[in-house]
């Protein structure tokens, strides 16, 4: 049997030759070897057990030849240090969304100074935003909505596994929030314009209902912003992730509906305009 070192080298090249991410091969190798990165480093020159090797090769072909996301093969993705279950019913959590969480937690400290607050995550998907906020900040009582019952099943399971206390409501955007008010509204809604090119790995495997946001990609932001006031307390934060090229348009939509707020727009670690916060102190 080949060593872990040879397996990694050969299959990383296989991925590169087929225009796939070589880093995904390492994720698969770690998963099927039941090791973390440090353990793999110490065992690189050992042979991989035959059965594990066969399972690994099958997974590599599913990723490279059949275009199945690595996260769907292994069944999870890490987000903010937590292991979230994912499948074809939810979007795979992205690194940029971790930055939204980090910035929102800092802004919460500044605006609410550690007070107990009611938070709602609109369009929760896997629950990565809602559950992470809930387990990271004990003074946040979090509610999460989604139109998809299948997505909510995934989010509820993540909430259970990660020992969160999130309340889940099924319905379209703000519809299930009638009569309820919150201190923080956070959302990472679908924001890809309907006619924009999306690579097959995403388009074929991830739910379209969670990807596309109308002709300009801003339909769901308009819907949330137009209806937000009746669900917000006097002091509030609205937090959005959005496409890097929509910051100016989103600011204009916000200014059409809110006149006495601070609008904070932040770049992600790649220098792209990715987050917008609306603050009323």
C-alpha atoms as a PDB file:
ATOM      1  CA  UNK A   1       0.000   0.000   0.000  1.00  0.00           C
ATOM      2  CA  UNK A   2       1.213   3.570  -0.667  1.00  0.00           C
ATOM      3  CA  UNK A   3       2.140   5.901   2.160  1.00  0.00           C
ATOM      4  CA  UNK A   4      -0.004   8.852   3.235  1.00  0.00           C
ATOM      5  CA  UNK A   5       2.645  11.140   1.752  1.00  0.00           C
ATOM      6  CA  UNK A   6       2.417   9.505  -1.688  1.00  0.00           C
ATOM      7  CA  UNK A   7      -1.370   9.363  -1.540  1.00  0.00           C
ATOM      8  CA  UNK A   8      -1.583  13.068  -0.759  1.00  0.00           C
ATOM      9  CA  UNK A   9       0.918  14.067  -3.450  1.00  0.00           C
ATOM     10  CA  UNK A  10      -0.629  11.972  -6.222  1.00  0.00           C
ATOM     11  CA  UNK A  11      -4.218  12.948  -5.506  1.00  0.00           C
ATOM     12  CA  UNK A  12      -3.489  16.646  -5.002  1.00  0.00           C
ATOM     13  CA  UNK A  13      -1.965  16.596  -8.479  1.00  0.00           C
ATOM     14  CA  UNK A  14      -5.004  14.684  -9.746  1.00  0.00           C
ATOM     15  CA  UNK A  15      -7.226  17.463  -8.401  1.00  0.00           C
ATOM     16  CA  UNK A  16      -5.068  20.232  -9.866  1.00  0.00           C
ATOM     17  CA  UNK A  17      -5.022  18.523 -13.269  1.00  0.00           C
ATOM     18  CA  UNK A  18      -8.811  18.515 -13.240  1.00  0.00           C
ATOM     19  CA  UNK A  19      -9.208  22.144 -12.108  1.00  0.00           C
ATOM     20  CA  UNK A  20     -10.284  21.209  -8.586  1.00  0.00           C
ATOM     21  CA  UNK A  21      -8.995  22.424  -5.227  1.00  0.00           C
ATOM     22  CA  UNK A  22      -6.052  20.361  -4.015  1.00  0.00           C
ATOM     23  CA  UNK A  23      -6.862  21.426  -0.444  1.00  0.00           C
ATOM     24  CA  UNK A  24     -10.076  19.396  -0.708  1.00  0.00           C
ATOM     25  CA  UNK A  25      -8.027  16.238  -1.173  1.00  0.00           C
ATOM     26  CA  UNK A  26      -6.370  16.819   2.182  1.00  0.00           C
ATOM     27  CA  UNK A  27      -9.780  17.312   3.813  1.00  0.00           C
ATOM     28  CA  UNK A  28     -10.854  13.933   2.444  1.00  0.00           C
ATOM     29  CA  UNK A  29      -7.632  12.255   3.539  1.00  0.00           C
ATOM     30  CA  UNK A  30      -7.982  13.615   7.071  1.00  0.00           C
ATOM     31  CA  UNK A  31     -11.586  12.449   7.209  1.00  0.00           C
ATOM     32  CA  UNK A  32     -11.014   8.913   5.964  1.00  0.00           C
ATOM     33  CA  UNK A  33      -7.814   8.432   7.968  1.00  0.00           C
ATOM     34  CA  UNK A  34      -9.574   9.647  11.137  1.00  0.00           C
ATOM     35  CA  UNK A  35      -6.682  12.013  11.841  1.00  0.00           C
ATOM     36  CA  UNK A  36      -6.215  15.721  12.384  1.00  0.00           C
ATOM     37  CA  UNK A  37      -3.488  17.665  10.561  1.00  0.00           C
ATOM     38  CA  UNK A  38      -0.929  17.147  13.322  1.00  0.00           C
ATOM     39  CA  UNK A  39      -1.503  13.397  13.428  1.00  0.00           C
ATOM     40  CA  UNK A  40      -1.277  13.110   9.657  1.00  0.00           C
ATOM     41  CA  UNK A  41       2.036  14.948   9.687  1.00  0.00           C
ATOM     42  CA  UNK A  42       3.452  12.382  12.097  1.00  0.00           C
ATOM     43  CA  UNK A  43       2.190   9.433  10.020  1.00  0.00           C
ATOM     44  CA  UNK A  44       3.029  10.665   6.503  1.00  0.00           C
ATOM     45  CA  UNK A  45       5.528   7.865   5.829  1.00  0.00           C
ATOM     46  CA  UNK A  46       3.233   5.092   7.030  1.00  0.00           C
ATOM     47  CA  UNK A  47       1.029   3.031   4.728  1.00  0.00           C
ATOM     48  CA  UNK A  48      -2.694   3.757   4.713  1.00  0.00           C
ATOM     49  CA  UNK A  49      -4.869   0.713   5.594  1.00  0.00           C
ATOM     50  CA  UNK A  50      -6.337  -0.813   2.426  1.00  0.00           C
ATOM     51  CA  UNK A  51     -10.027  -0.396   3.302  1.00  0.00           C
ATOM     52  CA  UNK A  52      -9.580   3.253   4.280  1.00  0.00           C
ATOM     53  CA  UNK A  53      -7.561   3.823   1.105  1.00  0.00           C
ATOM     54  CA  UNK A  54     -10.367   2.410  -1.072  1.00  0.00           C
ATOM     55  CA  UNK A  55     -12.959   4.586   0.676  1.00  0.00           C
ATOM     56  CA  UNK A  56     -10.716   7.612   0.209  1.00  0.00           C
ATOM     57  CA  UNK A  57     -10.195   6.966  -3.522  1.00  0.00           C
ATOM     58  CA  UNK A  58     -13.929   6.534  -4.043  1.00  0.00           C
ATOM     59  CA  UNK A  59     -14.521   9.881  -2.318  1.00  0.00           C
ATOM     60  CA  UNK A  60     -11.843  11.591  -4.409  1.00  0.00           C
ATOM     61  CA  UNK A  61     -13.538  10.393  -7.598  1.00  0.00           C
ATOM     62  CA  UNK A  62     -16.912  11.600  -6.335  1.00  0.00           C
ATOM     63  CA  UNK A  63     -15.379  15.044  -5.822  1.00  0.00           C
ATOM     64  CA  UNK A  64     -13.227  15.297  -8.952  1.00  0.00           C
ATOM     65  CA  UNK A  65     -15.193  13.301 -11.530  1.00  0.00           C
ATOM     66  CA  UNK A  66     -18.777  13.540 -10.269  1.00  0.00           C
ATOM     67  CA  UNK A  67     -18.525  17.103  -8.951  1.00  0.00           C
ATOM     68  CA  UNK A  68     -19.846  16.369  -5.442  1.00  0.00           C
ATOM     69  CA  UNK A  69     -18.764  18.968  -2.854  1.00  0.00           C
ATOM     70  CA  UNK A  70     -16.305  17.628  -0.307  1.00  0.00           C
ATOM     71  CA  UNK A  71     -18.561  18.866   2.485  1.00  0.00           C
ATOM     72  CA  UNK A  72     -21.415  16.704   1.186  1.00  0.00           C
ATOM     73  CA  UNK A  73     -19.127  13.680   1.001  1.00  0.00           C
ATOM     74  CA  UNK A  74     -17.925  13.997   4.598  1.00  0.00           C
ATOM     75  CA  UNK A  75     -21.257  15.431   5.803  1.00  0.00           C
ATOM     76  CA  UNK A  76     -20.006  18.502   7.629  1.00  0.00           C
ATOM     77  CA  UNK A  77     -18.186  21.827   7.451  1.00  0.00           C
ATOM     78  CA  UNK A  78     -16.436  23.737  10.214  1.00  0.00           C
ATOM     79  CA  UNK A  79     -17.743  27.219  10.963  1.00  0.00           C
ATOM     80  CA  UNK A  80     -16.330  29.488  13.648  1.00  0.00           C
ATOM     81  CA  UNK A  81     -14.660  26.423  15.147  1.00  0.00           C
ATOM     82  CA  UNK A  82     -17.896  24.408  15.301  1.00  0.00           C
ATOM     83  CA  UNK A  83     -18.670  21.304  13.248  1.00  0.00           C
ATOM     84  CA  UNK A  84     -21.907  21.879  11.301  1.00  0.00           C
ATOM     85  CA  UNK A  85     -23.836  19.127   9.546  1.00  0.00           C
ATOM     86  CA  UNK A  86     -24.479  20.007   5.889  1.00  0.00           C
ATOM     87  CA  UNK A  87     -26.214  18.347   2.969  1.00  0.00           C
ATOM     88  CA  UNK A  88     -27.920  19.263  -0.286  1.00  0.00           C
ATOM     89  CA  UNK A  89     -30.759  21.023   1.549  1.00  0.00           C
ATOM     90  CA  UNK A  90     -28.593  23.882   2.863  1.00  0.00           C
ATOM     91  CA  UNK A  91     -25.808  26.151   1.697  1.00  0.00           C
ATOM     92  CA  UNK A  92     -22.325  25.138   2.758  1.00  0.00           C
ATOM     93  CA  UNK A  93     -21.148  27.763   5.298  1.00  0.00           C
ATOM     94  CA  UNK A  94     -18.479  30.097   3.888  1.00  0.00           C
ATOM     95  CA  UNK A  95     -15.464  31.637   5.547  1.00  0.00           C
ATOM     96  CA  UNK A  96     -16.734  35.159   4.828  1.00  0.00           C
ATOM     97  CA  UNK A  97     -19.776  34.503   6.992  1.00  0.00           C
ATOM     98  CA  UNK A  98     -17.513  33.790   9.960  1.00  0.00           C
ATOM     99  CA  UNK A  99     -16.358  37.383   9.650  1.00  0.00           C
ATOM    100  CA  UNK A 100     -19.970  38.567   9.843  1.00  0.00           C
ATOM    101  CA  UNK A 101     -20.336  36.702  13.148  1.00  0.00           C
ATOM    102  CA  UNK A 102     -17.092  38.109  14.547  1.00  0.00           C
ATOM    103  CA  UNK A 103     -17.998  41.680  13.616  1.00  0.00           C
ATOM    104  CA  UNK A 104     -21.532  41.351  14.929  1.00  0.00           C
ATOM    105  CA  UNK A 105     -20.309  40.054  18.292  1.00  0.00           C
ATOM    106  CA  UNK A 106     -17.987  43.053  18.617  1.00  0.00           C
ATOM    107  CA  UNK A 107     -20.728  45.475  17.600  1.00  0.00           C
ATOM    108  CA  UNK A 108     -23.119  43.878  20.102  1.00  0.00           C
ATOM    109  CA  UNK A 109     -20.625  44.610  22.888  1.00  0.00           C
ATOM    110  CA  UNK A 110     -20.377  48.223  21.761  1.00  0.00           C
ATOM    111  CA  UNK A 111     -24.110  48.868  21.322  1.00  0.00           C
ATOM    112  CA  UNK A 112     -25.668  46.705  24.032  1.00  0.00           C
ATOM    113  CA  UNK A 113     -22.764  46.424  26.474  1.00  0.00           C
ATOM    114  CA  UNK A 114     -23.472  42.802  27.389  1.00  0.00           C
ATOM    115  CA  UNK A 115     -27.219  43.202  27.983  1.00  0.00           C
ATOM    116  CA  UNK A 116     -29.634  40.386  27.238  1.00  0.00           C
ATOM    117  CA  UNK A 117     -30.971  40.776  23.720  1.00  0.00           C
ATOM    118  CA  UNK A 118     -33.423  39.110  21.364  1.00  0.00           C
ATOM    119  CA  UNK A 119     -31.810  38.112  18.058  1.00  0.00           C
ATOM    120  CA  UNK A 120     -33.377  36.828  14.851  1.00  0.00           C
ATOM    121  CA  UNK A 121     -31.552  35.164  11.965  1.00  0.00           C
ATOM    122  CA  UNK A 122     -33.662  35.447   8.813  1.00  0.00           C
ATOM    123  CA  UNK A 123     -33.094  32.614   6.329  1.00  0.00           C
ATOM    124  CA  UNK A 124     -30.975  30.455   8.606  1.00  0.00           C
ATOM    125  CA  UNK A 125     -30.165  27.521   6.309  1.00  0.00           C
ATOM    126  CA  UNK A 126     -27.800  25.215   8.205  1.00  0.00           C
ATOM    127  CA  UNK A 127     -28.207  27.405  11.277  1.00  0.00           C
ATOM    128  CA  UNK A 128     -24.547  28.410  11.235  1.00  0.00           C
ATOM    129  CA  UNK A 129     -25.259  32.053  12.104  1.00  0.00           C
ATOM    130  CA  UNK A 130     -28.027  31.465  14.640  1.00  0.00           C
ATOM    131  CA  UNK A 131     -26.429  28.559  16.491  1.00  0.00           C
ATOM    132  CA  UNK A 132     -22.978  30.141  16.578  1.00  0.00           C
ATOM    133  CA  UNK A 133     -24.319  33.399  18.018  1.00  0.00           C
ATOM    134  CA  UNK A 134     -26.356  31.447  20.555  1.00  0.00           C
ATOM    135  CA  UNK A 135     -23.470  29.349  21.843  1.00  0.00           C
ATOM    136  CA  UNK A 136     -20.926  32.173  21.663  1.00  0.00           C
ATOM    137  CA  UNK A 137     -22.926  34.778  23.589  1.00  0.00           C
ATOM    138  CA  UNK A 138     -25.056  33.601  26.504  1.00  0.00           C
ATOM    139  CA  UNK A 139     -26.941  36.905  26.624  1.00  0.00           C
ATOM    140  CA  UNK A 140     -28.315  36.417  23.128  1.00  0.00           C
ATOM    141  CA  UNK A 141     -31.664  34.642  22.887  1.00  0.00           C
ATOM    142  CA  UNK A 142     -31.775  33.608  19.223  1.00  0.00           C
ATOM    143  CA  UNK A 143     -34.685  32.852  16.904  1.00  0.00           C
ATOM    144  CA  UNK A 144     -34.111  31.564  13.360  1.00  0.00           C
ATOM    145  CA  UNK A 145     -36.427  31.421  10.349  1.00  0.00           C
ATOM    146  CA  UNK A 146     -36.372  29.603   7.038  1.00  0.00           C
ATOM    147  CA  UNK A 147     -38.920  28.883   4.331  1.00  0.00           C
ATOM    148  CA  UNK A 148     -37.493  25.375   3.821  1.00  0.00           C
ATOM    149  CA  UNK A 149     -38.614  22.668   6.238  1.00  0.00           C
ATOM    150  CA  UNK A 150     -35.701  20.505   5.111  1.00  0.00           C
ATOM    151  CA  UNK A 151     -33.230  23.264   5.901  1.00  0.00           C
ATOM    152  CA  UNK A 152     -34.822  23.713   9.319  1.00  0.00           C
ATOM    153  CA  UNK A 153     -34.370  19.992  10.000  1.00  0.00           C
ATOM    154  CA  UNK A 154     -30.631  20.414   9.401  1.00  0.00           C
ATOM    155  CA  UNK A 155     -30.482  23.582  11.510  1.00  0.00           C
ATOM    156  CA  UNK A 156     -32.349  21.922  14.375  1.00  0.00           C
ATOM    157  CA  UNK A 157     -29.953  18.981  14.329  1.00  0.00           C
ATOM    158  CA  UNK A 158     -26.966  21.341  14.428  1.00  0.00           C
ATOM    159  CA  UNK A 159     -28.582  23.213  17.307  1.00  0.00           C
ATOM    160  CA  UNK A 160     -29.027  19.929  19.167  1.00  0.00           C
ATOM    161  CA  UNK A 161     -25.511  18.624  18.520  1.00  0.00           C
ATOM    162  CA  UNK A 162     -23.887  21.935  19.477  1.00  0.00           C
ATOM    163  CA  UNK A 163     -26.117  22.325  22.549  1.00  0.00           C
ATOM    164  CA  UNK A 164     -27.717  25.556  21.390  1.00  0.00           C
ATOM    165  CA  UNK A 165     -31.056  26.969  22.505  1.00  0.00           C
ATOM    166  CA  UNK A 166     -32.254  28.493  19.241  1.00  0.00           C
ATOM    167  CA  UNK A 167     -35.997  28.797  18.533  1.00  0.00           C
ATOM    168  CA  UNK A 168     -36.918  27.876  14.941  1.00  0.00           C
ATOM    169  CA  UNK A 169     -39.836  29.247  12.902  1.00  0.00           C
ATOM    170  CA  UNK A 170     -40.865  28.116   9.431  1.00  0.00           C
ATOM    171  CA  UNK A 171     -41.939  30.726   6.916  1.00  0.00           C
ATOM    172  CA  UNK A 172     -40.865  33.138   4.185  1.00  0.00           C
ATOM    173  CA  UNK A 173     -38.404  35.781   5.396  1.00  0.00           C
ATOM    174  CA  UNK A 174     -40.154  38.041   7.990  1.00  0.00           C
ATOM    175  CA  UNK A 175     -43.562  36.381   7.655  1.00  0.00           C
ATOM    176  CA  UNK A 176     -43.258  34.115  10.742  1.00  0.00           C
ATOM    177  CA  UNK A 177     -42.217  37.082  12.926  1.00  0.00           C
ATOM    178  CA  UNK A 178     -45.633  38.764  13.101  1.00  0.00           C
ATOM    179  CA  UNK A 179     -46.122  40.459  16.456  1.00  0.00           C
ATOM    180  CA  UNK A 180     -42.508  39.867  17.523  1.00  0.00           C
ATOM    181  CA  UNK A 181     -39.721  42.410  18.046  1.00  0.00           C
ATOM    182  CA  UNK A 182     -35.957  41.997  18.242  1.00  0.00           C
ATOM    183  CA  UNK A 183     -32.834  43.906  19.181  1.00  0.00           C
ATOM    184  CA  UNK A 184     -30.663  42.333  16.484  1.00  0.00           C
ATOM    185  CA  UNK A 185     -31.681  41.137  13.023  1.00  0.00           C
ATOM    186  CA  UNK A 186     -29.022  39.256  11.084  1.00  0.00           C
ATOM    187  CA  UNK A 187     -29.315  37.756   7.630  1.00  0.00           C
ATOM    188  CA  UNK A 188     -27.230  36.265   4.866  1.00  0.00           C
ATOM    189  CA  UNK A 189     -30.012  35.962   2.293  1.00  0.00           C
ATOM    190  CA  UNK A 190     -29.727  34.658  -1.284  1.00  0.00           C
ATOM    191  CA  UNK A 191     -27.849  37.315  -3.240  1.00  0.00           C
ATOM    192  CA  UNK A 192     -26.725  35.919  -6.601  1.00  0.00           C
ATOM    193  CA  UNK A 193     -28.469  37.674  -9.539  1.00  0.00           C
ATOM    194  CA  UNK A 194     -30.680  35.243 -11.428  1.00  0.00           C
ATOM    195  CA  UNK A 195     -28.660  35.394 -14.641  1.00  0.00           C
ATOM    196  CA  UNK A 196     -25.178  35.377 -13.083  1.00  0.00           C
ATOM    197  CA  UNK A 197     -22.856  32.472 -13.877  1.00  0.00           C
ATOM    198  CA  UNK A 198     -22.476  29.997 -11.026  1.00  0.00           C
ATOM    199  CA  UNK A 199     -19.970  27.156 -11.188  1.00  0.00           C
ATOM    200  CA  UNK A 200     -21.512  23.704 -11.516  1.00  0.00           C
ATOM    201  CA  UNK A 201     -20.125  22.486  -8.178  1.00  0.00           C
ATOM    202  CA  UNK A 202     -22.383  25.045  -6.483  1.00  0.00           C
ATOM    203  CA  UNK A 203     -25.284  25.262  -8.938  1.00  0.00           C
ATOM    204  CA  UNK A 204     -25.859  21.508  -9.167  1.00  0.00           C
ATOM    205  CA  UNK A 205     -25.392  20.661  -5.499  1.00  0.00           C
ATOM    206  CA  UNK A 206     -26.686  23.575  -3.418  1.00  0.00           C
ATOM    207  CA  UNK A 207     -30.349  24.653  -3.133  1.00  0.00           C
ATOM    208  CA  UNK A 208     -31.293  27.334  -5.657  1.00  0.00           C
ATOM    209  CA  UNK A 209     -33.753  28.833  -3.180  1.00  0.00           C
ATOM    210  CA  UNK A 210     -30.740  29.776  -1.044  1.00  0.00           C
ATOM    211  CA  UNK A 211     -28.619  31.096  -3.926  1.00  0.00           C
ATOM    212  CA  UNK A 212     -30.556  33.435  -6.200  1.00  0.00           C
ATOM    213  CA  UNK A 213     -31.887  36.845  -5.168  1.00  0.00           C
ATOM    214  CA  UNK A 214     -33.741  38.249  -8.158  1.00  0.00           C
ATOM    215  CA  UNK A 215     -32.655  40.254 -11.161  1.00  0.00           C
ATOM    216  CA  UNK A 216     -30.033  42.297  -9.286  1.00  0.00           C
ATOM    217  CA  UNK A 217     -29.560  39.944  -6.327  1.00  0.00           C
ATOM    218  CA  UNK A 218     -31.107  42.401  -3.864  1.00  0.00           C
ATOM    219  CA  UNK A 219     -34.747  41.284  -3.719  1.00  0.00           C
ATOM    220  CA  UNK A 220     -34.515  39.742  -0.259  1.00  0.00           C
ATOM    221  CA  UNK A 221     -32.609  42.713   1.172  1.00  0.00           C
ATOM    222  CA  UNK A 222     -35.404  45.004  -0.009  1.00  0.00           C
ATOM    223  CA  UNK A 223     -37.985  42.709   1.561  1.00  0.00           C
ATOM    224  CA  UNK A 224     -36.184  42.641   4.899  1.00  0.00           C
ATOM    225  CA  UNK A 225     -35.394  46.358   4.990  1.00  0.00           C
ATOM    226  CA  UNK A 226     -38.939  47.384   4.005  1.00  0.00           C
ATOM    227  CA  UNK A 227     -40.469  45.277   6.780  1.00  0.00           C
ATOM    228  CA  UNK A 228     -37.778  45.482   9.453  1.00  0.00           C
ATOM    229  CA  UNK A 229     -39.103  48.433  11.480  1.00  0.00           C
ATOM    230  CA  UNK A 230     -42.172  46.580  12.738  1.00  0.00           C
ATOM    231  CA  UNK A 231     -39.897  43.835  14.116  1.00  0.00           C
ATOM    232  CA  UNK A 232     -37.190  45.981  15.737  1.00  0.00           C
ATOM    233  CA  UNK A 233     -36.987  47.605  19.152  1.00  0.00           C
ATOM    234  CA  UNK A 234     -35.962  51.270  19.555  1.00  0.00           C
ATOM    235  CA  UNK A 235     -32.286  50.331  19.901  1.00  0.00           C
ATOM    236  CA  UNK A 236     -31.176  47.812  17.283  1.00  0.00           C
ATOM    237  CA  UNK A 237     -28.595  46.330  14.944  1.00  0.00           C
ATOM    238  CA  UNK A 238     -29.284  44.958  11.476  1.00  0.00           C
ATOM    239  CA  UNK A 239     -26.410  42.868  10.090  1.00  0.00           C
ATOM    240  CA  UNK A 240     -26.116  41.701   6.482  1.00  0.00           C
ATOM    241  CA  UNK A 241     -23.647  39.732   4.432  1.00  0.00           C
ATOM    242  CA  UNK A 242     -23.909  40.606   0.755  1.00  0.00           C
ATOM    243  CA  UNK A 243     -22.163  40.415  -2.611  1.00  0.00           C
ATOM    244  CA  UNK A 244     -18.934  42.437  -2.715  1.00  0.00           C
ATOM    245  CA  UNK A 245     -20.212  44.662  -5.553  1.00  0.00           C
ATOM    246  CA  UNK A 246     -23.580  45.573  -3.980  1.00  0.00           C
ATOM    247  CA  UNK A 247     -22.520  47.690  -0.998  1.00  0.00           C
ATOM    248  CA  UNK A 248     -23.434  51.051  -2.555  1.00  0.00           C
ATOM    249  CA  UNK A 249     -26.811  49.838  -3.800  1.00  0.00           C
ATOM    250  CA  UNK A 250     -27.605  48.292  -0.432  1.00  0.00           C
ATOM    251  CA  UNK A 251     -26.712  51.519   1.384  1.00  0.00           C
ATOM    252  CA  UNK A 252     -29.094  53.426  -0.904  1.00  0.00           C
ATOM    253  CA  UNK A 253     -31.948  51.000  -0.143  1.00  0.00           C
ATOM    254  CA  UNK A 254     -31.311  51.355   3.598  1.00  0.00           C
ATOM    255  CA  UNK A 255     -31.240  55.164   3.380  1.00  0.00           C
ATOM    256  CA  UNK A 256     -34.644  55.110   1.656  1.00  0.00           C
ATOM    257  CA  UNK A 257     -36.191  53.487   4.746  1.00  0.00           C
ATOM    258  CA  UNK A 258     -34.030  54.604   7.706  1.00  0.00           C
ATOM    259  CA  UNK A 259     -33.003  58.210   8.317  1.00  0.00           C
ATOM    260  CA  UNK A 260     -31.722  58.222  11.895  1.00  0.00           C
ATOM    261  CA  UNK A 261     -29.264  55.326  11.892  1.00  0.00           C
ATOM    262  CA  UNK A 262     -25.549  54.718  11.464  1.00  0.00           C
ATOM    263  CA  UNK A 263     -24.674  52.595   8.443  1.00  0.00           C
ATOM    264  CA  UNK A 264     -21.374  50.754   8.825  1.00  0.00           C
ATOM    265  CA  UNK A 265     -19.930  48.890   5.849  1.00  0.00           C
ATOM    266  CA  UNK A 266     -16.939  46.610   6.320  1.00  0.00           C
ATOM    267  CA  UNK A 267     -14.569  44.755   4.063  1.00  0.00           C
ATOM    268  CA  UNK A 268     -13.724  41.104   4.524  1.00  0.00           C
ATOM    269  CA  UNK A 269     -10.183  39.801   4.929  1.00  0.00           C
ATOM    270  CA  UNK A 270      -9.791  39.787   1.141  1.00  0.00           C
ATOM    271  CA  UNK A 271     -10.527  43.498   1.008  1.00  0.00           C
ATOM    272  CA  UNK A 272     -13.994  43.082  -0.518  1.00  0.00           C
ATOM    273  CA  UNK A 273     -17.087  45.032   0.618  1.00  0.00           C
ATOM    274  CA  UNK A 274     -18.962  42.142   2.158  1.00  0.00           C
ATOM    275  CA  UNK A 275     -20.793  43.321   5.319  1.00  0.00           C
ATOM    276  CA  UNK A 276     -23.269  46.081   6.124  1.00  0.00           C
ATOM    277  CA  UNK A 277     -24.525  46.969   9.614  1.00  0.00           C
ATOM    278  CA  UNK A 278     -27.389  49.328  10.443  1.00  0.00           C
ATOM    279  CA  UNK A 279     -27.155  50.645  14.019  1.00  0.00           C
ATOM    280  CA  UNK A 280     -29.613  52.619  16.135  1.00  0.00           C
ATOM    281  CA  UNK A 281     -28.221  53.389  19.613  1.00  0.00           C
END
